[in-house]
Amino acid sequence: MGKKIKKEVEPPPKDVFDTLSIESKKAATVVLMLNSPEEEVLAKACDAIYKFASKGDENKVTLLNLGAVEPLFKLISHEDPIVRKNATMAFGIMASNSDVKKLLRELDVTNSLIARLVPEEDVIIHEFASLCLARMAVEYTSKVQIFEQGGLEPLIRLLSSPDPDVKKNSVECIYHLVQDFQSRAAVRELNVIPPLLELLKSEYPVIQLLALKTLGVISNDKETRIILRENQGLDHLFKILETKEFNDLHVEALAVVANCLEDVDTMQLIQQTGGLKKLLSFAETSAIPDIQKNAAKAISKAAYDSENRKILHEQEVEKCLINLLGTDNDGLKTAVSQAISAMCENLASKDAFGIQGIPQLVQLLSSDNEEVKEAAAMALANLTTANPSNASSVAEAEGIEPLINVLSAKRDGAVANAAIVLTNMATQEPLRLSIQSHSIMNAIVEPLQSTNSQVQSKAVLTVAAFGCDADARTELRNAGGLEPLVKLLHSRNEEVRRNACWAAMVCASDELTAVELCRLGALDILEEINLSMGRRNHFSERALDKLLDNNLSQKYSQMGYLSFSNIITDSFYDYGQVKPGVKLLSLEELSTQELNDRRAVILVNIKPPEVKGKGKKEEEKPKEEEEFQIAPKIQEEVTLEKLPWLPPFDFILLDYINDASKTILPLATTKEQVVALAQFVAGNMGGPIEKDKLHDFSWELHISEIKFEQKCNVIPIGKIKKGTFYHRALLFKVIADRIGIGCTLVRGEYTRAWNEVKLVDDSPQGITGLLLPPQVYVVDLMYQPGCLMKQGSAEADHYKLI
């Protein structure tokens, strides 16, 4: 490393106090002499203490315990120059001990030490006063004291001292001080750059190193970088980088260059002078990983600016970084991956990295080093964002399995970025299906339970990306992934909450998942979110609609309305009106309850029960199944060791649907079909009822008898032979949905319910070919079955009222 700094002081001539350096018992006597009125005694006592303290830390502690620090503190300001010098030497050497430093802070010695830095003082005093300050400046409290007491100016002046020890101690103290932002601004105003650059020419590497470290800290500030450029600082730095003998300084020199490259003007200057090409060549050819790592960091910092990215791309930085990826140093792999991430903001660079860079990054996903894994995942996340070609390259490099493995990595950044890559790949259906075959939904459950908001946000986006597939939703449901997803709807983080709403909206695409989400409380949370102007978002509104549209039993009980597009399917049940926030019990739970006086739950189900062993042969199937192809087929083989609960099969309803499909479906117009279906429904539920005799229609007793007969609160709709408004309206909707007649189901007050249909009226007389808009009609199922009442008319309103 070159020459060593000279010994701090030459040993003084032997005197009577020499024995103090050998026998610590006499130390107490010498400490007492520090209070002598005689200057010669004081000078020799300080010198003897210096020698004794120089022998080791144990001696420093001995002197501390003997009370030597306080009198020495007074003597560093003594009027006699020799006493002052010797006291400062002793003080400086003792300050290396942590207990001594603690006492020095309590005594507030920094002001007296700063006073010793004036030009009139002896160079030895400068050396040991600056040494003491450098040792104290490591602590934050002392940093503040030195700054507030004006220590920076004399320290910067001493950077030009002829004595190398003074230079070394001063620059070391400044290095510690500029860790604080106030001092960084102050040294800039005090013009510290020229003397620091001058120190780079020192024959002592330790001084050069400290100067570079100081420049590395202060060049984080843009204003300082401008001054550095104006003082030809880059020339000094590149001279060091081009000198092989200065290998030990290259890492720190590159750190300063990295900061400078953040500025476009500096980048352009370096490019014009050929410095950038040298830097990239230097990064590739150096045999020292730390040097290469700092070169990669320099590229990362520079790449935060768009103009810099263009310049770096023109210099083919991508080739340099790809070559560096192949090294066998984890720190370098991490730095290079981060540089690739930064360069991805440039679209041309993103494409350039694709073919050769992606396979190497995929390999790094399996690294034992968690930082490498995280950096590689981040680079792949940036490379695949809005770039289908790169996403395909990840799959071609066999990256799917390692990415899924990274979802259980230790570092949150690795997990979040792996989720981003998988989400980016999912935009292409072949890749999405390939990823699904690796059980992505099982793997994403753990990230969903993370406490890190970034991981949560990216994990729910992954769920949204893959939840469009029914098999993926089933996998997520079976893996227990819906519960953490629902919890994230509560998140206080806006991004997490919005993405969770998006994922819930996607997952609510089938009845089983929608019902499970409702059971876990998603419905209540979404309703609460949508009531808040601050938390409501497009996805929360769509998620609520989707959840209800795929859980029609819940929707009808809660909203009292099923639209034209809400098609009633098997296992639908009408529980009656429930208040918002009240969870609807499952059909199984309701079926196993004891008989009660509450209104019966009306069940719709023509799905036949599964049977043990081989199913019925074709010739044994019920005749009605052959006639009506809409009814589902019985499975051929089922293992019934552990059969789940199944709702009862409604043969009567199946007959109704078969009859309607044969007699009503063939009718020529929708209007005829509606009228015929209304009459069919009424005919099977007690026939027309005169308005003034409605109270004599004893449907309640009939329903109670069915409940008692079934020994269950849930009764199939086909069993009802005396039905009131809400029974008839439900049956009308069920059959209409099965044979393709569009209608709504609306719940009114108490027992009222009705259906709305859309019909096109005939053209006015004398006008042909005029296409009129459809009109909405309410269908009478009670008084004059088949009568169509125009929506909003008096008779329609009267029909809806009690």
Foldseek 3Di string as FASTA:
>chain_A
DFDDADDLDDQDDDDPLQCCLPDVVCLLVLLVQLPPPDPVSLLVSLSSLLNNLLVDLVSLVSCVVSVNLVSLLVQCPDPDQSSVLSSLSNLLSSLLHPVSLVVCVVVLSLLSLLVQLDPVHDVSSLLSSLSNLLSNLLDPSSLVSCVVSVSLLSLLVQLPPPRVSSVLSSLSNLLSNVVDVVSLVVVVVSVSQVSLLVQCPDSHLSSVQSSLSSLLRSLLDVVVLVVCVVVVVVVSLVVLLPDPVNVVNLLSSLSNLLSNLLDPVSLVVCVVVVNVLVLLVSLQPDPDLSNVLSSLSSLLNNLQDPSSLVVCVVSVSLVSLLSQLPDDDLSSLLSSLSSLLSSLVDVVSLVVCQPRPLLSLLVQLPDPDLSSNLSSLSNLLSSLVVPQSSLVSCVVSVNLVSLLVQCPPDDLSNNLSSLSSLLSNLVDPVSLVVSVVVVSLLSLQVLLPDPDLSSLLSSLSSLLSNLLDPVSLVSNVVSVNLLSLLVQCVDPDLSNVLSSLSSLLSSLQAQVSLLVNLVSPSLLSLVVQCVDPVRDDPSSVSSNVSSCLRHVLVCCQDVQKDFLPNADDFFRKNPHHDYRPDRDDHPVVQFPDFDDPDAFIEGEHQAADADAAADDDPVPDDPLCVQDVLHDDHDGHDHVPPDDDDDDHDVLLSVLLSVLLVPQLVDDDLLSSQLVLLQSLLQQAPHADAPVCPVVQPQVVVSVVQCVVVSGSYDYLSSHRHDDAQSSQVSSSNSCSSSPFGWMWGDAPDRHIWIKHWDWDDDPPPDPPDGDGTFIWIADNYHNGSDTHGPPDPVVVVSRDD
